[in-house]
Amino acid sequence: TTMSNTYMYNPINLISDANGIVKAVDFTVTVSDGTDEYTVNGHTGLNAPSGEPIPYAQLTKDQVVTWVKSLVGDNMQELADSELAALKSRKATVLSSGTPWA
């Protein structure tokens, strides 16, 4: 049985207007298969809030992650999976590394 990949989203910067309405998010997504992991960087604009916006000071990381996932989650996870597969391929082809001297 192969283990499925897990994804950790981390918003690292919120771009907001003068009213504190978040317009865009810079974030990372780290994919892990339990052995190896790879982190990709992302940026997405946000849709205008429907209804009353959440005051900037009351935003939570979980809320922002929910927004990011709903907008770009599938694409970011595919990119992260691809990069992780490439990393694993590179690791599999390296027979040894280093130098014979101290």
N, C-alpha and C. Protein backbone atom coordinates (compact mmCIF):
# COMPACT_ATOMS: atom_id res chain seq x y z
N THR A 1 0.85 -1.19 0.00
CA THR A 1 0.00 0.00 0.00
C THR A 1 0.89 1.24 0.00
N THR A 2 0.63 2.15 -0.93
CA THR A 2 1.40 3.38 -0.96
C THR A 2 0.72 4.42 -0.10
N MET A 3 1.54 5.17 0.59
CA MET A 3 1.02 6.23 1.45
C MET A 3 0.66 7.43 0.59
N SER A 4 -0.46 8.05 0.87
CA SER A 4 -0.83 9.23 0.09
C SER A 4 -0.06 10.45 0.59
N ASN A 5 0.12 11.40 -0.29
CA ASN A 5 0.84 12.61 0.07
C ASN A 5 0.00 13.48 0.99
N THR A 6 0.68 14.20 1.86
CA THR A 6 0.03 15.19 2.71
C THR A 6 0.54 16.57 2.31
N TYR A 7 -0.30 17.57 2.53
CA TYR A 7 0.01 18.94 2.10
C TYR A 7 -0.15 19.89 3.28
N MET A 8 0.86 20.73 3.48
CA MET A 8 0.82 21.74 4.54
C MET A 8 0.88 23.11 3.87
N TYR A 9 -0.19 23.87 4.05
CA TYR A 9 -0.26 25.22 3.50
C TYR A 9 0.19 26.21 4.57
N ASN A 10 1.00 27.20 4.15
CA ASN A 10 1.47 28.21 5.10
C ASN A 10 1.39 29.59 4.45
N PRO A 11 0.38 30.39 4.82
CA PRO A 11 0.35 31.76 4.31
C PRO A 11 1.51 32.55 4.92
N ILE A 12 2.31 33.19 4.07
CA ILE A 12 3.48 33.90 4.58
C ILE A 12 3.37 35.41 4.45
N ASN A 13 2.40 35.89 3.65
CA ASN A 13 2.23 37.33 3.51
C ASN A 13 0.82 37.60 3.00
N LEU A 14 0.15 38.58 3.61
CA LEU A 14 -1.17 39.00 3.17
C LEU A 14 -1.05 40.40 2.58
N ILE A 15 -1.59 40.57 1.38
CA ILE A 15 -1.59 41.88 0.74
C ILE A 15 -3.00 42.44 0.88
N SER A 16 -3.12 43.56 1.59
CA SER A 16 -4.45 44.11 1.87
C SER A 16 -4.54 45.57 1.44
N ASP A 17 -5.77 46.03 1.27
CA ASP A 17 -5.97 47.43 0.90
C ASP A 17 -6.04 48.30 2.15
N ALA A 18 -6.31 49.59 1.95
CA ALA A 18 -6.32 50.54 3.07
C ALA A 18 -7.40 50.22 4.10
N ASN A 19 -8.44 49.47 3.70
CA ASN A 19 -9.52 49.09 4.61
C ASN A 19 -9.25 47.76 5.31
N GLY A 20 -8.08 47.17 5.07
CA GLY A 20 -7.76 45.90 5.70
C GLY A 20 -8.37 44.70 4.99
N ILE A 21 -8.90 44.90 3.78
CA ILE A 21 -9.46 43.79 3.01
C ILE A 21 -8.30 43.09 2.30
N VAL A 22 -8.12 41.80 2.58
CA VAL A 22 -7.03 41.05 1.97
C VAL A 22 -7.35 40.81 0.50
N LYS A 23 -6.45 41.23 -0.37
CA LYS A 23 -6.63 41.13 -1.82
C LYS A 23 -5.83 39.97 -2.41
N ALA A 24 -4.75 39.57 -1.73
CA ALA A 24 -3.89 38.51 -2.26
C ALA A 24 -3.10 37.88 -1.12
N VAL A 25 -2.61 36.67 -1.39
CA VAL A 25 -1.86 35.91 -0.38
C VAL A 25 -0.62 35.31 -1.04
N ASP A 26 0.51 35.47 -0.40
CA ASP A 26 1.72 34.72 -0.74
C ASP A 26 1.75 33.54 0.23
N PHE A 27 2.09 32.36 -0.28
CA PHE A 27 2.03 31.17 0.57
C PHE A 27 3.01 30.11 0.09
N THR A 28 3.23 29.11 0.93
CA THR A 28 3.97 27.93 0.52
C THR A 28 3.07 26.72 0.70
N VAL A 29 3.36 25.69 -0.09
CA VAL A 29 2.72 24.39 0.09
C VAL A 29 3.85 23.37 0.18
N THR A 30 3.87 22.63 1.29
CA THR A 30 4.86 21.57 1.46
C THR A 30 4.15 20.24 1.31
N VAL A 31 4.64 19.41 0.39
CA VAL A 31 4.08 18.08 0.17
C VAL A 31 5.04 17.08 0.80
N SER A 32 4.48 16.07 1.44
CA SER A 32 5.28 15.02 2.06
C SER A 32 4.65 13.67 1.75
N ASP A 33 5.51 12.70 1.46
CA ASP A 33 5.02 11.33 1.26
C ASP A 33 5.38 10.45 2.45
N GLY A 34 5.82 11.09 3.53
CA GLY A 34 6.21 10.34 4.72
C GLY A 34 7.70 10.10 4.79
N THR A 35 8.38 10.21 3.65
CA THR A 35 9.83 10.03 3.58
C THR A 35 10.51 11.31 3.12
N ASP A 36 10.03 11.84 2.02
CA ASP A 36 10.61 13.05 1.44
C ASP A 36 9.55 14.15 1.43
N GLU A 37 10.03 15.40 1.35
CA GLU A 37 9.11 16.51 1.23
C GLU A 37 9.70 17.56 0.31
N TYR A 38 8.81 18.37 -0.24
CA TYR A 38 9.21 19.44 -1.15
C TYR A 38 8.27 20.61 -0.92
N THR A 39 8.81 21.83 -0.96
CA THR A 39 8.01 23.03 -0.74
C THR A 39 7.99 23.88 -2.01
N VAL A 40 6.79 24.28 -2.41
CA VAL A 40 6.63 25.19 -3.55
C VAL A 40 6.04 26.50 -3.05
N ASN A 41 6.39 27.58 -3.73
CA ASN A 41 5.87 28.91 -3.39
C ASN A 41 4.68 29.23 -4.28
N GLY A 42 3.72 29.98 -3.74
CA GLY A 42 2.57 30.36 -4.52
C GLY A 42 2.09 31.75 -4.18
N HIS A 43 1.26 32.27 -5.05
CA HIS A 43 0.63 33.58 -4.85
C HIS A 43 -0.74 33.51 -5.51
N THR A 44 -1.75 34.01 -4.85
CA THR A 44 -3.07 34.07 -5.47
C THR A 44 -3.79 35.32 -5.05
N GLY A 45 -4.53 35.88 -5.99
CA GLY A 45 -5.45 36.95 -5.67
C GLY A 45 -6.68 36.34 -5.03
N LEU A 46 -7.41 37.11 -4.27
CA LEU A 46 -8.62 36.63 -3.61
C LEU A 46 -9.84 37.30 -4.22
N ASN A 47 -10.94 36.58 -4.19
CA ASN A 47 -12.22 37.16 -4.61
C ASN A 47 -12.66 38.19 -3.58
N ALA A 48 -13.46 39.16 -4.02
CA ALA A 48 -14.01 40.13 -3.09
C ALA A 48 -14.87 39.39 -2.06
N PRO A 49 -14.85 39.84 -0.81
CA PRO A 49 -15.64 39.14 0.22
C PRO A 49 -17.13 39.16 -0.12
N SER A 50 -17.79 38.06 0.10
CA SER A 50 -19.25 38.04 -0.05
C SER A 50 -19.82 38.32 1.34
N GLY A 51 -20.61 39.35 1.44
CA GLY A 51 -21.12 39.72 2.75
C GLY A 51 -20.11 40.57 3.50
N GLU A 52 -20.24 40.58 4.80
CA GLU A 52 -19.39 41.40 5.66
C GLU A 52 -17.99 40.78 5.74
N PRO A 53 -16.95 41.54 5.39
CA PRO A 53 -15.59 40.98 5.48
C PRO A 53 -15.16 40.76 6.93
N ILE A 54 -14.30 39.78 7.10
CA ILE A 54 -13.72 39.53 8.43
C ILE A 54 -12.69 40.62 8.69
N PRO A 55 -12.77 41.31 9.83
CA PRO A 55 -11.76 42.33 10.14
C PRO A 55 -10.36 41.73 10.11
N TYR A 56 -9.42 42.47 9.54
CA TYR A 56 -8.05 42.00 9.36
C TYR A 56 -7.49 41.40 10.65
N ALA A 57 -7.67 42.10 11.77
CA ALA A 57 -7.09 41.65 13.04
C ALA A 57 -7.70 40.34 13.53
N GLN A 58 -8.87 39.96 12.99
CA GLN A 58 -9.54 38.74 13.43
C GLN A 58 -9.32 37.55 12.48
N LEU A 59 -8.57 37.78 11.40
CA LEU A 59 -8.29 36.68 10.48
C LEU A 59 -7.45 35.62 11.17
N THR A 60 -7.69 34.37 10.82
CA THR A 60 -6.88 33.28 11.35
C THR A 60 -6.13 32.62 10.20
N LYS A 61 -5.05 31.95 10.54
CA LYS A 61 -4.29 31.21 9.54
C LYS A 61 -5.20 30.18 8.86
N ASP A 62 -6.02 29.47 9.64
CA ASP A 62 -6.91 28.46 9.08
C ASP A 62 -7.87 29.06 8.06
N GLN A 63 -8.40 30.26 8.33
CA GLN A 63 -9.32 30.91 7.40
C GLN A 63 -8.62 31.22 6.08
N VAL A 64 -7.42 31.78 6.17
CA VAL A 64 -6.67 32.13 4.96
C VAL A 64 -6.30 30.87 4.18
N VAL A 65 -5.90 29.81 4.87
CA VAL A 65 -5.59 28.54 4.20
C VAL A 65 -6.82 28.03 3.46
N THR A 66 -8.00 28.13 4.07
CA THR A 66 -9.24 27.70 3.42
C THR A 66 -9.46 28.47 2.12
N TRP A 67 -9.24 29.79 2.15
CA TRP A 67 -9.39 30.59 0.94
C TRP A 67 -8.42 30.13 -0.14
N VAL A 68 -7.15 29.97 0.23
CA VAL A 68 -6.13 29.58 -0.74
C VAL A 68 -6.46 28.22 -1.35
N LYS A 69 -6.80 27.25 -0.49
CA LYS A 69 -7.12 25.91 -0.98
C LYS A 69 -8.30 25.94 -1.95
N SER A 70 -9.32 26.73 -1.63
CA SER A 70 -10.50 26.76 -2.48
C SER A 70 -10.20 27.36 -3.85
N LEU A 71 -9.22 28.25 -3.92
CA LEU A 71 -8.89 28.90 -5.19
C LEU A 71 -7.86 28.15 -6.01
N VAL A 72 -6.83 27.62 -5.37
CA VAL A 72 -5.70 27.06 -6.13
C VAL A 72 -5.21 25.72 -5.60
N GLY A 73 -5.95 25.12 -4.68
CA GLY A 73 -5.46 23.90 -4.03
C GLY A 73 -5.09 22.78 -4.98
N ASP A 74 -5.97 22.45 -5.93
CA ASP A 74 -5.69 21.33 -6.83
C ASP A 74 -4.44 21.59 -7.67
N ASN A 75 -4.33 22.79 -8.23
CA ASN A 75 -3.17 23.12 -9.06
C ASN A 75 -1.88 23.10 -8.25
N MET A 76 -1.92 23.66 -7.05
CA MET A 76 -0.71 23.70 -6.22
C MET A 76 -0.31 22.29 -5.79
N GLN A 77 -1.28 21.45 -5.48
CA GLN A 77 -0.96 20.08 -5.07
C GLN A 77 -0.39 19.29 -6.24
N GLU A 78 -0.90 19.50 -7.45
CA GLU A 78 -0.33 18.83 -8.62
C GLU A 78 1.11 19.28 -8.84
N LEU A 79 1.36 20.59 -8.72
CA LEU A 79 2.72 21.11 -8.87
C LEU A 79 3.64 20.52 -7.81
N ALA A 80 3.18 20.51 -6.56
CA ALA A 80 3.99 19.97 -5.47
C ALA A 80 4.27 18.49 -5.69
N ASP A 81 3.24 17.73 -6.13
CA ASP A 81 3.44 16.29 -6.41
C ASP A 81 4.49 16.09 -7.49
N SER A 82 4.42 16.90 -8.53
CA SER A 82 5.37 16.81 -9.64
C SER A 82 6.80 17.08 -9.17
N GLU A 83 6.95 18.12 -8.36
CA GLU A 83 8.29 18.47 -7.85
C GLU A 83 8.82 17.39 -6.90
N LEU A 84 7.94 16.83 -6.09
CA LEU A 84 8.36 15.76 -5.18
C LEU A 84 8.80 14.54 -5.98
N ALA A 85 8.06 14.20 -7.03
CA ALA A 85 8.42 13.06 -7.88
C ALA A 85 9.78 13.29 -8.54
N ALA A 86 10.02 14.53 -8.99
CA ALA A 86 11.32 14.86 -9.59
C ALA A 86 12.44 14.74 -8.57
N LEU A 87 12.20 15.19 -7.36
CA LEU A 87 13.19 15.06 -6.28
C LEU A 87 13.50 13.59 -6.03
N LYS A 88 12.47 12.77 -5.91
CA LYS A 88 12.67 11.34 -5.66
C LYS A 88 13.43 10.68 -6.81
N SER A 89 13.16 11.10 -8.04
CA SER A 89 13.85 10.57 -9.20
C SER A 89 15.33 10.93 -9.15
N ARG A 90 15.62 12.18 -8.79
CA ARG A 90 17.03 12.60 -8.68
C ARG A 90 17.73 11.82 -7.58
N LYS A 91 17.07 11.62 -6.46
CA LYS A 91 17.68 10.88 -5.35
C LYS A 91 17.96 9.43 -5.76
N ALA A 92 17.05 8.85 -6.55
CA ALA A 92 17.19 7.45 -6.95
C ALA A 92 18.37 7.26 -7.91
N THR A 93 18.75 8.32 -8.65
CA THR A 93 19.83 8.18 -9.63
C THR A 93 21.19 8.51 -9.05
N VAL A 94 21.26 9.07 -7.86
CA VAL A 94 22.54 9.38 -7.23
C VAL A 94 23.05 8.13 -6.52
N LEU A 95 24.20 7.62 -6.99
CA LEU A 95 24.77 6.43 -6.38
C LEU A 95 25.53 6.78 -5.12
N SER A 96 26.27 7.87 -5.16
CA SER A 96 26.97 8.34 -3.97
C SER A 96 27.29 9.81 -4.18
N SER A 97 27.55 10.48 -3.10
CA SER A 97 27.98 11.87 -3.21
C SER A 97 28.97 12.16 -2.10
N GLY A 98 29.75 13.20 -2.30
CA GLY A 98 30.75 13.56 -1.31
C GLY A 98 32.15 13.47 -1.91
N THR A 99 33.13 13.45 -1.03
CA THR A 99 34.53 13.34 -1.46
C THR A 99 35.21 12.24 -0.65
N PRO A 100 36.29 11.68 -1.18
CA PRO A 100 36.98 10.62 -0.45
C PRO A 100 37.90 11.14 0.65
N TRP A 101 38.02 12.44 0.81
CA TRP A 101 38.89 12.99 1.85
C TRP A 101 38.07 13.74 2.89
N ALA A 102 38.67 13.93 4.05
CA ALA A 102 37.97 14.57 5.15
C ALA A 102 38.05 16.07 5.01
